[in-house]
Amino acid sequence: MKKPPKYSLIVPARNGGDYLKSCIETIIIQEGDYELIISDDNSGDASMQYLNSLISPRIKVIQPPKFLSMAEHWEWALSHASGDWLMFIGQDDGLQKYFFSLADALTNLAMREKLRVIMSRRAYYFWPGCEFFYGDICTSYIADSRIKLCNSRWEAFKALVGIQHYFELPQMYTSSLFHRSLIEEARRRQQDKIFVSHPQDANLAAIACSLEATYLKSYIPLGWVGSSPKSAGMAVLANTANANSEDQDSLRILKQDYENKIRSSNIHYDFLAGEFDFGDTSIYFWQALLKSSLLRSSNLNALIKSKYFKKIIFASVLIKSKFFIKDNKRSKQFDEIIRRNDCKFLHCILLTPLILPFYIINRIITYLSGRIFPPNFLCWRIIFRSYWRGVEGITLKEASEISNNLASNLLNRVIKLK
């Protein structure tokens, strides 16, 4: 019987076009013990034509029998994975050129420490068409030599109260690896399901923070997190008022497609969290915790559902909105969330002074951690950014070459920890 690969890299795709091709190229140019599973959700472009041209025993191209919501598609694609360590990669994302060297060092360290969750700092690649939201930046890459053990509950709390986005939690997505045993435990507890809520990345963060007390974090990025006019996250969360008409149309269609699939999905968004398109990351993560209650004790679930805890979360939404939600639709949606949870708007306002100190405490901890955790109390940091000024930027492949050269010294320090 053939030995399973160490890594399963899963790319769920739909109408990915050139983004998908660039993503796949960052993977297949590397040598490593992996399988690459590309699942195309019935694209209407030439994606399947490109995928069928890929010939390699490591590559498996699959297609679900019907259109699926994103969370359902990820569930279906995940069911085909056989590796020990698992990662989803978005169709406009990519791997760093040193991915397998860093991943091998981190997984060996995780196994030694009996940890099942690994994440890294994010590096960002912004495709053309994102300028209206992100400005003219093309890449943002920051790396340093720290490796840190993170307390899952504290990090989850920070995401719930808006000190950080849930994107900064491990999500088994481009910058995170989950061990198969963690996924199997979640599946056993949740009646043979991994995905029980939308959005799917918040669902995965809820699994990691519910089942693992501690996770390993590297400050050298494992991959490139891409943003493009095909990114569902940008379509849902971005204000497209400043986009050109073509990009507005593309994002509007993508958002409608995404939300229509959620409405018709067998996975339901929790009533207490209001409407999905309210688009607040604290609410998304709280909703994922509500839906994944089988992963936690009854006492912890009672706390998450308690009225006082809800008011703290809603107060954080007000802080992020600078105490006033200007958009009339979002304001009404927020009022409805408060009403559904039998809370009072005034109580949420009064709780904001209790949350603000956590923002300050987190800043202090973040400042100090850079001086405590690096090997030998010395932290080497590199910062690399490029911009779409004029017509030319740099390709994802070129960005990976630059980051690989810049990070070589940092990488050697991490590899020595094996």
Protein backbone atom coordinates (compact mmCIF):
# COMPACT_ATOMS: atom_id res chain seq x y z
CA MET A 1 0.00 0.00 0.00
CA LYS A 2 1.33 3.42 -0.98
CA LYS A 3 2.43 5.61 1.94
CA PRO A 4 0.30 8.79 2.29
CA PRO A 5 2.11 12.05 1.55
CA LYS A 6 3.24 14.32 4.36
CA TYR A 7 1.25 17.29 3.00
CA SER A 8 -2.11 17.60 1.28
CA LEU A 9 -2.40 20.96 -0.49
CA ILE A 10 -5.99 21.65 -1.53
CA VAL A 11 -6.95 24.37 -4.02
CA PRO A 12 -10.72 24.94 -4.29
CA ALA A 13 -11.29 26.88 -7.53
CA ARG A 14 -14.06 28.51 -9.51
CA ASN A 15 -13.45 30.64 -12.62
CA GLY A 16 -9.89 31.19 -11.44
CA GLY A 17 -8.34 31.96 -14.84
CA ASP A 18 -4.80 33.34 -14.73
CA TYR A 19 -4.92 33.63 -10.94
CA LEU A 20 -5.30 29.87 -10.66
CA LYS A 21 -2.45 29.23 -13.08
CA SER A 22 -0.07 31.47 -11.10
CA CYS A 23 -1.14 29.80 -7.85
CA ILE A 24 -0.48 26.28 -9.17
CA GLU A 25 2.90 27.29 -10.57
CA THR A 26 4.12 28.39 -7.12
CA ILE A 27 3.43 24.83 -5.92
CA ILE A 28 4.52 22.52 -8.74
CA ILE A 29 7.95 24.16 -9.21
CA GLN A 30 8.90 22.86 -5.75
CA GLU A 31 10.11 19.48 -4.57
CA GLY A 32 8.44 18.05 -1.48
CA ASP A 33 6.43 15.16 -0.08
CA TYR A 34 2.98 16.37 -1.11
CA GLU A 35 -0.19 15.76 -3.06
CA LEU A 36 -1.94 18.65 -4.81
CA ILE A 37 -5.72 18.41 -4.98
CA ILE A 38 -7.39 20.96 -7.25
CA SER A 39 -11.17 20.98 -7.05
CA ASP A 40 -12.94 23.03 -9.71
CA ASP A 41 -16.51 23.99 -8.79
CA ASN A 42 -17.97 23.81 -12.31
CA SER A 43 -16.18 26.86 -13.71
CA GLY A 44 -17.56 28.62 -16.75
CA ASP A 45 -14.13 29.75 -17.99
CA ALA A 46 -11.17 27.78 -19.35
CA SER A 47 -10.01 26.58 -15.92
CA MET A 48 -10.68 22.89 -16.58
CA GLN A 49 -8.87 23.05 -19.91
CA TYR A 50 -5.77 24.30 -18.08
CA LEU A 51 -6.16 21.80 -15.22
CA ASN A 52 -6.49 18.87 -17.60
CA SER A 53 -3.14 19.83 -19.12
CA LEU A 54 -1.37 19.24 -15.79
CA ILE A 55 0.30 15.84 -15.84
CA SER A 56 1.86 14.69 -12.58
CA PRO A 57 1.32 11.76 -10.20
CA ARG A 58 1.17 14.33 -7.39
CA ILE A 59 -1.76 16.23 -8.91
CA LYS A 60 -5.38 15.18 -8.56
CA VAL A 61 -8.00 17.26 -10.40
CA ILE A 62 -11.57 16.74 -9.18
CA GLN A 63 -14.95 18.35 -9.79
CA PRO A 64 -18.02 18.21 -7.54
CA PRO A 65 -21.19 16.83 -9.15
CA LYS A 66 -23.12 20.10 -8.57
CA PHE A 67 -22.61 23.75 -7.63
CA LEU A 68 -21.71 24.11 -3.95
CA SER A 69 -21.38 26.94 -1.47
CA MET A 70 -17.78 27.70 -0.66
CA ALA A 71 -17.91 25.92 2.71
CA GLU A 72 -19.55 22.85 1.14
CA HIS A 73 -16.99 22.86 -1.66
CA TRP A 74 -14.14 22.94 0.84
CA GLU A 75 -15.72 20.04 2.76
CA TRP A 76 -16.03 18.00 -0.42
CA ALA A 77 -12.46 18.75 -1.54
CA LEU A 78 -11.07 17.98 1.92
CA SER A 79 -12.64 14.52 1.81
CA HIS A 80 -10.18 13.60 -0.97
CA ALA A 81 -7.05 14.48 1.03
CA SER A 82 -4.81 11.76 2.46
CA GLY A 83 -1.80 13.68 3.86
CA ASP A 84 -0.68 14.02 7.48
CA TRP A 85 -0.68 17.83 7.37
CA LEU A 86 -3.43 19.70 5.54
CA MET A 87 -3.72 23.15 3.99
CA PHE A 88 -6.20 24.95 1.74
CA ILE A 89 -4.77 27.44 -0.75
CA GLY A 90 -6.94 30.07 -2.43
CA GLN A 91 -6.96 30.23 -6.20
CA ASP A 92 -5.36 33.71 -6.16
CA ASP A 93 -2.87 32.79 -3.40
CA GLY A 94 0.47 31.03 -3.66
CA LEU A 95 3.22 29.29 -1.70
CA GLN A 96 6.54 30.84 -0.81
CA LYS A 97 9.40 29.28 -2.73
CA TYR A 98 10.90 27.95 0.54
CA PHE A 99 7.56 26.52 1.72
CA PHE A 100 8.63 22.90 2.18
CA SER A 101 11.90 23.74 3.96
CA LEU A 102 10.03 25.93 6.45
CA ALA A 103 7.04 23.57 6.75
CA ASP A 104 9.32 20.59 7.46
CA ALA A 105 11.10 22.52 10.23
CA LEU A 106 7.82 23.70 11.77
CA THR A 107 6.04 20.32 11.60
CA ASN A 108 9.03 18.59 13.20
CA LEU A 109 9.02 21.15 15.99
CA ALA A 110 5.24 20.83 16.38
CA MET A 111 5.42 17.04 16.66
CA ARG A 112 8.16 17.35 19.27
CA GLU A 113 5.96 19.74 21.29
CA LYS A 114 2.83 17.59 20.65
CA LEU A 115 1.04 20.40 18.79
CA ARG A 116 -1.41 19.90 15.93
CA VAL A 117 -1.78 23.46 14.63
CA ILE A 118 0.83 25.63 12.90
CA MET A 119 0.41 29.09 11.46
CA SER A 120 2.66 31.78 10.09
CA ARG A 121 2.56 35.50 9.59
CA ARG A 122 0.79 36.46 6.39
CA ALA A 123 2.47 37.89 3.32
CA TYR A 124 0.17 39.67 0.87
CA TYR A 125 -0.02 39.84 -2.90
CA PHE A 126 -2.51 42.32 -4.37
CA TRP A 127 -3.50 41.63 -7.95
CA PRO A 128 -4.39 44.46 -10.38
CA GLY A 129 -7.95 45.59 -9.75
CA CYS A 130 -7.55 45.95 -5.97
CA GLU A 131 -6.21 49.51 -6.05
CA PHE A 132 -9.56 51.08 -5.13
CA PHE A 133 -9.45 49.28 -1.77
CA TYR A 134 -5.76 48.68 -0.97
CA GLY A 135 -4.12 51.52 -2.88
CA ASP A 136 -1.27 50.90 -5.32
CA ILE A 137 0.56 48.33 -3.18
CA CYS A 138 1.46 45.09 -4.97
CA THR A 139 3.22 43.03 -2.27
CA SER A 140 3.66 43.26 1.47
CA TYR A 141 6.13 40.84 3.04
CA ILE A 142 7.42 41.07 6.62
CA ALA A 143 9.43 38.28 8.23
CA ASP A 144 11.50 37.82 11.35
CA SER A 145 13.10 34.93 13.20
CA ARG A 146 10.58 34.45 15.99
CA ILE A 147 8.74 31.21 16.64
CA LYS A 148 6.05 31.60 19.27
CA LEU A 149 3.69 29.39 21.25
CA CYS A 150 0.30 31.10 21.25
CA ASN A 151 -2.53 30.62 23.74
CA SER A 152 -5.59 29.76 21.66
CA ARG A 153 -8.19 31.19 24.05
CA TRP A 154 -6.43 34.53 24.42
CA GLU A 155 -5.98 34.85 20.66
CA ALA A 156 -9.63 33.89 20.10
CA PHE A 157 -10.75 36.48 22.67
CA LYS A 158 -8.75 39.16 20.84
CA ALA A 159 -10.53 38.25 17.60
CA LEU A 160 -13.95 38.37 19.27
CA VAL A 161 -13.43 41.84 20.74
CA GLY A 162 -11.83 43.23 17.59
CA ILE A 163 -8.26 43.62 18.86
CA GLN A 164 -7.28 41.53 15.84
CA HIS A 165 -9.16 40.03 12.90
CA TYR A 166 -9.87 36.31 12.95
CA PHE A 167 -7.56 36.21 9.90
CA GLU A 168 -4.75 36.37 12.47
CA LEU A 169 -5.85 32.99 13.87
CA PRO A 170 -4.83 29.62 12.35
CA GLN A 171 -7.29 28.72 9.58
CA MET A 172 -5.67 25.84 7.64
CA TYR A 173 -5.57 28.33 4.81
CA THR A 174 -2.37 29.39 2.93
CA SER A 175 -0.59 30.42 6.13
CA SER A 176 -1.69 27.52 8.40
CA LEU A 177 -1.24 23.75 8.59
CA PHE A 178 -3.51 21.43 10.60
CA HIS A 179 -2.59 17.87 11.49
CA ARG A 180 -4.97 15.22 10.19
CA SER A 181 -5.76 14.04 13.75
CA LEU A 182 -7.24 17.46 14.56
CA ILE A 183 -9.53 17.35 11.53
CA GLU A 184 -10.58 13.78 12.33
CA GLU A 185 -11.39 14.76 15.92
CA ALA A 186 -13.50 17.71 14.73
CA ARG A 187 -15.30 15.44 12.28
CA ARG A 188 -16.09 12.88 14.99
CA ARG A 189 -17.46 15.52 17.33
CA GLN A 190 -19.52 17.31 14.68
CA GLN A 191 -21.39 14.30 13.31
CA ASP A 192 -19.03 13.67 10.39
CA LYS A 193 -18.79 17.35 9.41
CA ILE A 194 -15.91 19.80 9.40
CA PHE A 195 -17.75 22.83 8.04
CA VAL A 196 -20.83 23.82 10.02
CA SER A 197 -20.80 27.58 9.37
CA HIS A 198 -19.99 30.36 6.92
CA PRO A 199 -17.46 31.76 6.18
CA GLN A 200 -15.29 28.67 5.96
CA ASP A 201 -12.07 30.30 7.20
CA ALA A 202 -13.79 31.46 10.42
CA ASN A 203 -15.10 27.90 10.81
CA LEU A 204 -11.54 26.53 10.64
CA ALA A 205 -10.30 29.14 13.13
CA ALA A 206 -13.06 28.05 15.52
CA ILE A 207 -11.91 24.41 15.22
CA ALA A 208 -8.28 25.29 15.97
CA CYS A 209 -9.08 27.50 18.97
CA SER A 210 -11.64 25.05 20.37
CA LEU A 211 -9.60 21.85 20.19
CA GLU A 212 -6.03 23.06 20.73
CA ALA A 213 -4.95 24.97 23.84
CA THR A 214 -1.71 26.10 22.16
CA TYR A 215 -0.50 26.49 18.60
CA LEU A 216 2.84 27.22 16.96
CA LYS A 217 3.35 30.49 15.10
CA SER A 218 6.23 31.31 12.76
CA TYR A 219 6.91 34.90 11.81
CA ILE A 220 8.29 33.80 8.44
CA PRO A 221 5.33 33.55 6.02
CA LEU A 222 4.50 30.15 4.55
CA GLY A 223 2.55 31.55 1.61
CA TRP A 224 1.18 34.55 -0.24
CA VAL A 225 -2.38 35.54 0.66
CA GLY A 226 -3.78 36.98 -2.55
CA SER A 227 -6.47 39.60 -3.07
CA SER A 228 -8.05 40.02 -6.48
CA PRO A 229 -11.36 40.90 -8.13
CA LYS A 230 -12.04 37.14 -7.83
CA SER A 231 -11.57 37.09 -4.03
CA ALA A 232 -14.81 36.28 -2.23
CA GLY A 233 -13.51 37.98 0.93
CA MET A 234 -12.91 41.26 -0.87
CA ALA A 235 -16.27 41.03 -2.64
CA VAL A 236 -18.07 40.66 0.70
CA LEU A 237 -16.07 43.07 2.87
CA ALA A 238 -14.75 45.77 0.53
CA ASN A 239 -16.42 49.11 -0.13
CA THR A 240 -16.48 49.20 -3.93
CA ALA A 241 -17.59 52.84 -4.26
CA ASN A 242 -14.14 53.88 -5.54
CA ALA A 243 -13.71 50.96 -7.94
CA ASN A 244 -14.06 51.40 -11.69
CA SER A 245 -17.30 50.22 -13.26
CA GLU A 246 -15.81 46.96 -14.58
CA ASP A 247 -14.42 45.95 -11.18
CA GLN A 248 -17.65 47.00 -9.47
CA ASP A 249 -19.63 44.73 -11.79
CA SER A 250 -17.21 41.83 -11.29
CA LEU A 251 -17.26 42.12 -7.49
CA ARG A 252 -21.03 42.60 -7.37
CA ILE A 253 -21.59 39.42 -9.40
CA LEU A 254 -19.09 37.52 -7.24
CA LYS A 255 -20.76 38.76 -4.04
CA GLN A 256 -24.24 37.84 -5.31
CA ASP A 257 -23.02 34.39 -6.36
CA TYR A 258 -21.34 33.85 -2.98
CA GLU A 259 -24.34 34.99 -0.93
CA ASN A 260 -26.88 33.14 -3.09
CA LYS A 261 -24.93 29.92 -2.56
CA ILE A 262 -24.94 30.55 1.20
CA ARG A 263 -28.73 31.04 1.19
CA SER A 264 -29.28 27.80 -0.74
CA SER A 265 -26.67 25.91 1.28
CA ASN A 266 -27.41 23.13 3.74
CA ILE A 267 -25.12 25.01 6.14
CA HIS A 268 -27.12 27.78 7.79
CA TYR A 269 -25.85 31.10 9.12
CA ASP A 270 -26.82 31.47 12.79
CA PHE A 271 -29.96 33.54 13.41
CA LEU A 272 -28.35 35.40 16.35
CA ALA A 273 -25.58 36.75 14.10
CA GLY A 274 -28.00 38.60 11.84
CA GLU A 275 -27.48 38.84 8.08
CA PHE A 276 -24.31 37.43 6.54
CA ASP A 277 -23.62 40.58 4.51
CA PHE A 278 -23.30 42.68 7.69
CA GLY A 279 -19.65 41.78 7.12
CA ASP A 280 -18.02 42.18 10.54
CA THR A 281 -15.12 39.83 11.31
CA SER A 282 -15.87 39.64 15.07
CA ILE A 283 -19.46 38.63 14.32
CA TYR A 284 -18.31 36.08 11.73
CA PHE A 285 -15.97 34.42 14.24
CA TRP A 286 -18.54 34.52 17.07
CA GLN A 287 -21.09 32.93 14.73
CA ALA A 288 -18.59 30.18 13.87
CA LEU A 289 -18.18 29.48 17.58
CA LEU A 290 -21.96 29.35 18.05
CA LYS A 291 -22.28 26.80 15.25
CA SER A 292 -19.37 24.64 16.45
CA SER A 293 -20.62 24.13 20.02
CA LEU A 294 -20.01 20.35 19.88
CA LEU A 295 -16.28 21.06 20.01
CA ARG A 296 -16.37 22.67 23.46
CA SER A 297 -17.60 22.14 27.02
CA SER A 298 -21.10 23.23 28.04
CA ASN A 299 -19.62 25.82 30.43
CA LEU A 300 -17.56 27.47 27.69
CA ASN A 301 -20.53 27.44 25.33
CA ALA A 302 -22.68 29.04 28.03
CA LEU A 303 -20.12 31.84 28.35
CA ILE A 304 -20.03 32.45 24.59
CA LYS A 305 -23.85 32.65 24.51
CA SER A 306 -24.18 34.73 27.69
CA LYS A 307 -25.77 38.15 27.37
CA TYR A 308 -22.80 39.91 28.98
CA PHE A 309 -20.35 38.31 26.54
CA LYS A 310 -22.57 39.24 23.61
CA LYS A 311 -22.61 42.86 24.73
CA ILE A 312 -18.81 42.88 24.84
CA ILE A 313 -18.68 41.64 21.24
CA PHE A 314 -21.26 44.17 20.09
CA ALA A 315 -19.37 46.93 21.92
CA SER A 316 -16.26 45.96 19.95
CA VAL A 317 -18.24 46.39 16.71
CA LEU A 318 -19.05 49.94 17.82
CA ILE A 319 -15.39 50.67 18.63
CA LYS A 320 -14.29 49.47 15.19
CA SER A 321 -17.02 51.63 13.65
CA LYS A 322 -15.87 54.63 15.74
CA PHE A 323 -19.17 54.46 17.65
CA PHE A 324 -21.26 55.27 14.60
CA ILE A 325 -22.24 52.96 11.71
CA LYS A 326 -22.65 55.43 8.85
CA ASP A 327 -24.15 53.07 6.29
CA ASN A 328 -27.93 53.02 6.82
CA LYS A 329 -28.33 49.38 5.80
CA ARG A 330 -25.54 48.18 8.12
CA SER A 331 -26.89 50.34 10.94
CA LYS A 332 -30.30 48.65 10.64
CA GLN A 333 -28.64 45.24 10.44
CA PHE A 334 -26.68 45.95 13.63
CA ASP A 335 -29.83 47.10 15.42
CA GLU A 336 -31.47 43.82 14.38
CA ILE A 337 -28.53 41.78 15.73
CA ILE A 338 -28.85 43.55 19.08
CA ARG A 339 -32.62 42.95 19.10
CA ARG A 340 -32.29 39.25 18.26
CA ASN A 341 -29.93 38.82 21.21
CA ASP A 342 -32.22 40.72 23.59
CA CYS A 343 -29.52 43.33 24.29
CA LYS A 344 -29.71 47.09 24.67
CA PHE A 345 -27.74 49.48 22.47
CA LEU A 346 -26.98 51.74 25.45
CA HIS A 347 -25.50 48.82 27.40
CA CYS A 348 -23.12 48.11 24.52
CA ILE A 349 -22.03 51.74 24.48
CA LEU A 350 -21.39 51.69 28.23
CA LEU A 351 -19.19 48.59 27.92
CA THR A 352 -16.77 50.14 25.42
CA PRO A 353 -14.51 51.67 28.14
CA LEU A 354 -13.96 48.13 29.50
CA ILE A 355 -12.71 46.88 26.14
CA LEU A 356 -10.37 49.73 25.21
CA PRO A 357 -7.73 48.70 27.82
CA PHE A 358 -7.42 45.31 26.10
CA TYR A 359 -6.32 47.13 22.93
CA ILE A 360 -3.58 48.87 24.94
CA ILE A 361 -2.54 45.65 26.74
CA ASN A 362 -2.28 43.83 23.42
CA ARG A 363 -0.04 46.57 22.01
CA ILE A 364 2.29 46.21 25.02
CA ILE A 365 2.37 42.39 24.78
CA THR A 366 3.04 42.57 21.04
CA TYR A 367 5.86 45.05 21.64
CA LEU A 368 7.46 42.94 24.36
CA SER A 369 7.03 39.60 22.59
CA GLY A 370 9.39 40.70 19.86
CA ARG A 371 12.09 41.01 22.52
CA ILE A 372 11.34 37.81 24.44
CA PHE A 373 10.70 35.02 21.97
CA PRO A 374 13.42 35.24 19.29
CA PRO A 375 16.24 32.68 19.55
CA ASN A 376 19.15 34.11 21.57
CA PHE A 377 17.04 37.20 22.29
CA LEU A 378 17.89 38.56 18.86
CA CYS A 379 15.28 39.20 16.22
CA TRP A 380 16.22 39.71 12.58
CA ARG A 381 13.50 41.35 10.54
CA ILE A 382 13.10 41.98 6.83
CA ILE A 383 10.44 44.09 5.15
CA PHE A 384 9.76 43.97 1.42
CA ARG A 385 7.02 45.94 -0.34
CA SER A 386 6.39 46.75 -3.98
CA TYR A 387 3.81 48.90 -5.74
CA TRP A 388 1.72 49.00 -8.91
CA ARG A 389 3.02 52.44 -9.88
CA GLY A 390 2.59 53.12 -13.55
CA VAL A 391 1.69 50.00 -15.49
CA GLU A 392 4.15 47.44 -14.20
CA GLY A 393 4.34 45.64 -10.89
CA ILE A 394 5.91 42.27 -10.22
CA THR A 395 4.43 38.85 -10.82
CA LEU A 396 3.69 36.37 -8.04
CA LYS A 397 6.62 34.25 -9.28
CA GLU A 398 8.98 37.24 -9.15
CA ALA A 399 7.74 38.17 -5.67
CA SER A 400 8.48 34.61 -4.50
CA GLU A 401 12.03 34.80 -5.87
CA ILE A 402 12.67 38.06 -4.00
CA SER A 403 11.19 36.84 -0.70
CA ASN A 404 13.14 33.57 -1.00
CA ASN A 405 16.43 35.44 -1.34
CA LEU A 406 15.62 37.87 1.45
CA ALA A 407 14.48 35.22 3.92
CA SER A 408 17.34 32.74 3.45
CA ASN A 409 19.21 33.78 6.62
CA LEU A 410 16.05 33.78 8.71
CA LEU A 411 15.09 30.40 7.33
CA ASN A 412 18.44 28.89 8.25
CA ARG A 413 17.92 29.99 11.86
CA VAL A 414 14.53 28.25 11.99
CA ILE A 415 15.77 25.05 10.32
CA LYS A 416 18.47 24.73 13.00
CA LEU A 417 15.68 24.41 15.60
CA LYS A 418 14.68 21.00 14.18
